[in-house]
Amino acid sequence: MSALSDAAEKLVLDFLMTTGTAARPTAWFLALYTSATTDAGGGTEVSGAGYARQSVVFSAAASPGGTTANTGAVSFTAAGGNWGTVTHVAIWTAASGGTMLWHGPMTSQRVVNDGDTLSFAAGAFVLTMA
């Protein structure tokens, strides 16, 4: 994924550079978007027709290099209607609401129509701190 959200940047800086308390996320969810996401949390998340964010788990960060990747496949259930063209993804701290942490464009856009499923293999989402 390409970018940390503004909220995640603040969380990292507060955790690493102050003595204050930074609230660490304890769950992560993959969200699908039909328009570009932004550091501020923009974009149009898919909604309705059976869509729900999916839980995702990441490995411990590699060192050196500062990367992590999803440890298992992430699958969205069959769409109950057309979701449109999925162009971007984001990682959130909750199944609904929550805080966006990471976001970016998909390598290949995907049209999701009624009855389609969308799955991502383990290792498909590589997060890098550079």
C-alpha atoms as a PDB file:
ATOM      1  CA  MET A   1       0.000   0.000   0.000  1.00  0.00           C
ATOM      2  CA  SER A   2       1.238   3.390  -0.746  1.00  0.00           C
ATOM      3  CA  ALA A   3       0.505   5.779   2.102  1.00  0.00           C
ATOM      4  CA  LEU A   4      -0.150   6.227   5.797  1.00  0.00           C
ATOM      5  CA  SER A   5      -3.219   8.253   6.642  1.00  0.00           C
ATOM      6  CA  ASP A   6      -2.878  11.532   8.535  1.00  0.00           C
ATOM      7  CA  ALA A   7      -4.218   9.779  11.649  1.00  0.00           C
ATOM      8  CA  ALA A   8      -1.636   6.976  11.358  1.00  0.00           C
ATOM      9  CA  GLU A   9       1.205   9.458  10.854  1.00  0.00           C
ATOM     10  CA  LYS A  10       0.179  11.207  14.075  1.00  0.00           C
ATOM     11  CA  LEU A  11      -0.073   7.879  15.915  1.00  0.00           C
ATOM     12  CA  VAL A  12       3.445   6.844  14.828  1.00  0.00           C
ATOM     13  CA  LEU A  13       4.964  10.205  15.736  1.00  0.00           C
ATOM     14  CA  ASP A  14       3.205  10.336  19.109  1.00  0.00           C
ATOM     15  CA  PHE A  15       4.319   6.785  19.902  1.00  0.00           C
ATOM     16  CA  LEU A  16       7.937   7.244  18.855  1.00  0.00           C
ATOM     17  CA  MET A  17       8.644  10.861  19.686  1.00  0.00           C
ATOM     18  CA  THR A  18       6.679  11.785  22.822  1.00  0.00           C
ATOM     19  CA  THR A  19       6.152  10.362  26.275  1.00  0.00           C
ATOM     20  CA  GLY A  20       2.380  10.661  25.900  1.00  0.00           C
ATOM     21  CA  THR A  21       0.115   7.697  25.436  1.00  0.00           C
ATOM     22  CA  ALA A  22      -0.650   6.576  21.890  1.00  0.00           C
ATOM     23  CA  ALA A  23      -3.674   4.286  21.489  1.00  0.00           C
ATOM     24  CA  ARG A  24      -2.470   1.234  19.567  1.00  0.00           C
ATOM     25  CA  PRO A  25      -4.981  -0.433  17.225  1.00  0.00           C
ATOM     26  CA  THR A  26      -5.942  -4.004  18.145  1.00  0.00           C
ATOM     27  CA  ALA A  27      -7.826  -5.009  14.978  1.00  0.00           C
ATOM     28  CA  TRP A  28      -7.443  -4.264  11.275  1.00  0.00           C
ATOM     29  CA  PHE A  29     -10.015  -4.375   8.470  1.00  0.00           C
ATOM     30  CA  LEU A  30      -9.646  -4.135   4.700  1.00  0.00           C
ATOM     31  CA  ALA A  31     -12.020  -1.729   2.930  1.00  0.00           C
ATOM     32  CA  LEU A  32     -12.716  -1.393  -0.809  1.00  0.00           C
ATOM     33  CA  TYR A  33     -13.130   1.919  -2.651  1.00  0.00           C
ATOM     34  CA  THR A  34     -14.509   2.996  -6.022  1.00  0.00           C
ATOM     35  CA  SER A  35     -12.650   6.335  -5.978  1.00  0.00           C
ATOM     36  CA  ALA A  36      -9.267   7.564  -4.818  1.00  0.00           C
ATOM     37  CA  THR A  37      -8.507   7.578  -1.107  1.00  0.00           C
ATOM     38  CA  THR A  38      -6.564  10.382   0.566  1.00  0.00           C
ATOM     39  CA  ASP A  39      -4.403  10.772   3.651  1.00  0.00           C
ATOM     40  CA  ALA A  40      -7.345  12.582   5.255  1.00  0.00           C
ATOM     41  CA  GLY A  41      -9.591   9.540   4.690  1.00  0.00           C
ATOM     42  CA  GLY A  42     -11.371  10.490   1.462  1.00  0.00           C
ATOM     43  CA  GLY A  43     -12.630   8.205  -1.256  1.00  0.00           C
ATOM     44  CA  THR A  44     -15.917   6.413  -1.851  1.00  0.00           C
ATOM     45  CA  GLU A  45     -16.097   3.157   0.089  1.00  0.00           C
ATOM     46  CA  VAL A  46     -18.241   0.394  -1.390  1.00  0.00           C
ATOM     47  CA  SER A  47     -21.557   0.101   0.462  1.00  0.00           C
ATOM     48  CA  GLY A  48     -24.691  -2.033   0.372  1.00  0.00           C
ATOM     49  CA  ALA A  49     -25.289  -5.193  -1.653  1.00  0.00           C
ATOM     50  CA  GLY A  50     -23.690  -7.441   0.993  1.00  0.00           C
ATOM     51  CA  TYR A  51     -20.437  -5.488   1.290  1.00  0.00           C
ATOM     52  CA  ALA A  52     -18.579  -5.522   4.604  1.00  0.00           C
ATOM     53  CA  ARG A  53     -14.992  -4.732   5.527  1.00  0.00           C
ATOM     54  CA  GLN A  54     -12.959  -7.878   6.094  1.00  0.00           C
ATOM     55  CA  SER A  55     -10.605  -8.641   8.964  1.00  0.00           C
ATOM     56  CA  VAL A  56      -6.921  -8.788   8.054  1.00  0.00           C
ATOM     57  CA  VAL A  57      -3.879  -9.873  10.086  1.00  0.00           C
ATOM     58  CA  PHE A  58      -0.271  -8.784   9.486  1.00  0.00           C
ATOM     59  CA  SER A  59       3.056 -10.417  10.261  1.00  0.00           C
ATOM     60  CA  ALA A  60       5.700  -8.916  12.536  1.00  0.00           C
ATOM     61  CA  ALA A  61       7.740  -6.318  10.662  1.00  0.00           C
ATOM     62  CA  ALA A  62      10.826  -7.450   8.792  1.00  0.00           C
ATOM     63  CA  SER A  63      14.106  -5.927   9.883  1.00  0.00           C
ATOM     64  CA  PRO A  64      15.898  -4.284   8.251  1.00  0.00           C
ATOM     65  CA  GLY A  65      13.493  -2.927   5.701  1.00  0.00           C
ATOM     66  CA  GLY A  66      10.456  -2.032   7.777  1.00  0.00           C
ATOM     67  CA  THR A  67       7.880  -4.112   5.889  1.00  0.00           C
ATOM     68  CA  THR A  68       4.958  -6.285   6.888  1.00  0.00           C
ATOM     69  CA  ALA A  69       2.357  -8.181   4.854  1.00  0.00           C
ATOM     70  CA  ASN A  70      -1.004  -9.831   5.400  1.00  0.00           C
ATOM     71  CA  THR A  71      -0.552 -13.364   6.741  1.00  0.00           C
ATOM     72  CA  GLY A  72      -3.654 -14.945   5.234  1.00  0.00           C
ATOM     73  CA  ALA A  73      -5.995 -14.580   2.309  1.00  0.00           C
ATOM     74  CA  VAL A  74      -8.691 -11.908   2.566  1.00  0.00           C
ATOM     75  CA  SER A  75     -12.004 -12.726   0.862  1.00  0.00           C
ATOM     76  CA  PHE A  76     -15.105 -10.634   0.361  1.00  0.00           C
ATOM     77  CA  THR A  77     -18.328 -12.631   0.092  1.00  0.00           C
ATOM     78  CA  ALA A  78     -20.294 -12.734  -3.133  1.00  0.00           C
ATOM     79  CA  ALA A  79     -21.709  -9.329  -3.960  1.00  0.00           C
ATOM     80  CA  GLY A  80     -25.484  -9.111  -3.661  1.00  0.00           C
ATOM     81  CA  GLY A  81     -25.487  -6.442  -6.362  1.00  0.00           C
ATOM     82  CA  ASN A  82     -23.046  -4.426  -8.416  1.00  0.00           C
ATOM     83  CA  TRP A  83     -20.287  -2.811  -6.321  1.00  0.00           C
ATOM     84  CA  GLY A  84     -18.777  -0.978  -9.288  1.00  0.00           C
ATOM     85  CA  THR A  85     -15.101  -0.718 -10.188  1.00  0.00           C
ATOM     86  CA  VAL A  86     -12.907  -1.176  -7.129  1.00  0.00           C
ATOM     87  CA  THR A  87      -9.885   1.083  -7.597  1.00  0.00           C
ATOM     88  CA  HIS A  88      -8.445   1.582  -4.090  1.00  0.00           C
ATOM     89  CA  VAL A  89      -8.164  -0.190  -0.742  1.00  0.00           C
ATOM     90  CA  ALA A  90      -7.604   0.967   2.817  1.00  0.00           C
ATOM     91  CA  ILE A  91      -6.902  -0.567   6.197  1.00  0.00           C
ATOM     92  CA  TRP A  92      -9.129   0.568   9.054  1.00  0.00           C
ATOM     93  CA  THR A  93      -9.230  -0.124  12.797  1.00  0.00           C
ATOM     94  CA  ALA A  94     -12.882  -1.240  12.828  1.00  0.00           C
ATOM     95  CA  ALA A  95     -15.458  -3.140  10.774  1.00  0.00           C
ATOM     96  CA  SER A  96     -17.372   0.153  10.504  1.00  0.00           C
ATOM     97  CA  GLY A  97     -16.269   3.611  11.510  1.00  0.00           C
ATOM     98  CA  GLY A  98     -12.838   3.527  13.132  1.00  0.00           C
ATOM     99  CA  THR A  99      -9.656   5.145  11.874  1.00  0.00           C
ATOM    100  CA  MET A 100      -8.081   4.739   8.452  1.00  0.00           C
ATOM    101  CA  LEU A 101      -4.426   3.700   8.811  1.00  0.00           C
ATOM    102  CA  TRP A 102      -3.134   2.893   5.314  1.00  0.00           C
ATOM    103  CA  HIS A 103      -4.530   3.430   1.832  1.00  0.00           C
ATOM    104  CA  GLY A 104      -3.620   3.219  -1.816  1.00  0.00           C
ATOM    105  CA  PRO A 105      -4.604   2.207  -5.346  1.00  0.00           C
ATOM    106  CA  MET A 106      -5.016  -1.401  -6.379  1.00  0.00           C
ATOM    107  CA  THR A 107      -2.439  -2.740  -8.822  1.00  0.00           C
ATOM    108  CA  SER A 108      -5.313  -3.795 -11.093  1.00  0.00           C
ATOM    109  CA  GLN A 109      -8.787  -2.337 -10.840  1.00  0.00           C
ATOM    110  CA  ARG A 110     -11.596  -4.856 -10.522  1.00  0.00           C
ATOM    111  CA  VAL A 111     -15.216  -4.584 -11.617  1.00  0.00           C
ATOM    112  CA  VAL A 112     -17.385  -6.374  -9.041  1.00  0.00           C
ATOM    113  CA  ASN A 113     -20.853  -7.307 -10.282  1.00  0.00           C
ATOM    114  CA  ASP A 114     -23.724  -9.193  -8.661  1.00  0.00           C
ATOM    115  CA  GLY A 115     -22.515 -12.634  -7.523  1.00  0.00           C
ATOM    116  CA  ASP A 116     -18.796 -11.854  -7.917  1.00  0.00           C
ATOM    117  CA  THR A 117     -16.328 -12.509  -5.115  1.00  0.00           C
ATOM    118  CA  LEU A 118     -13.117 -10.611  -4.531  1.00  0.00           C
ATOM    119  CA  SER A 119     -10.152 -12.278  -2.833  1.00  0.00           C
ATOM    120  CA  PHE A 120      -6.572 -11.295  -2.107  1.00  0.00           C
ATOM    121  CA  ALA A 121      -3.807 -13.813  -1.437  1.00  0.00           C
ATOM    122  CA  ALA A 122      -1.611 -13.877   1.639  1.00  0.00           C
ATOM    123  CA  GLY A 123       1.178 -11.374   1.083  1.00  0.00           C
ATOM    124  CA  ALA A 124      -0.877  -9.251  -1.317  1.00  0.00           C
ATOM    125  CA  PHE A 125      -0.740  -6.216   0.976  1.00  0.00           C
ATOM    126  CA  VAL A 126       2.818  -5.182   1.751  1.00  0.00           C
ATOM    127  CA  LEU A 127       3.172  -2.203   4.059  1.00  0.00           C
ATOM    128  CA  THR A 128       6.508  -0.391   4.082  1.00  0.00           C
ATOM    129  CA  MET A 129       7.897   2.325   6.315  1.00  0.00           C
ATOM    130  CA  ALA A 130      10.612   4.140   4.389  1.00  0.00           C
END
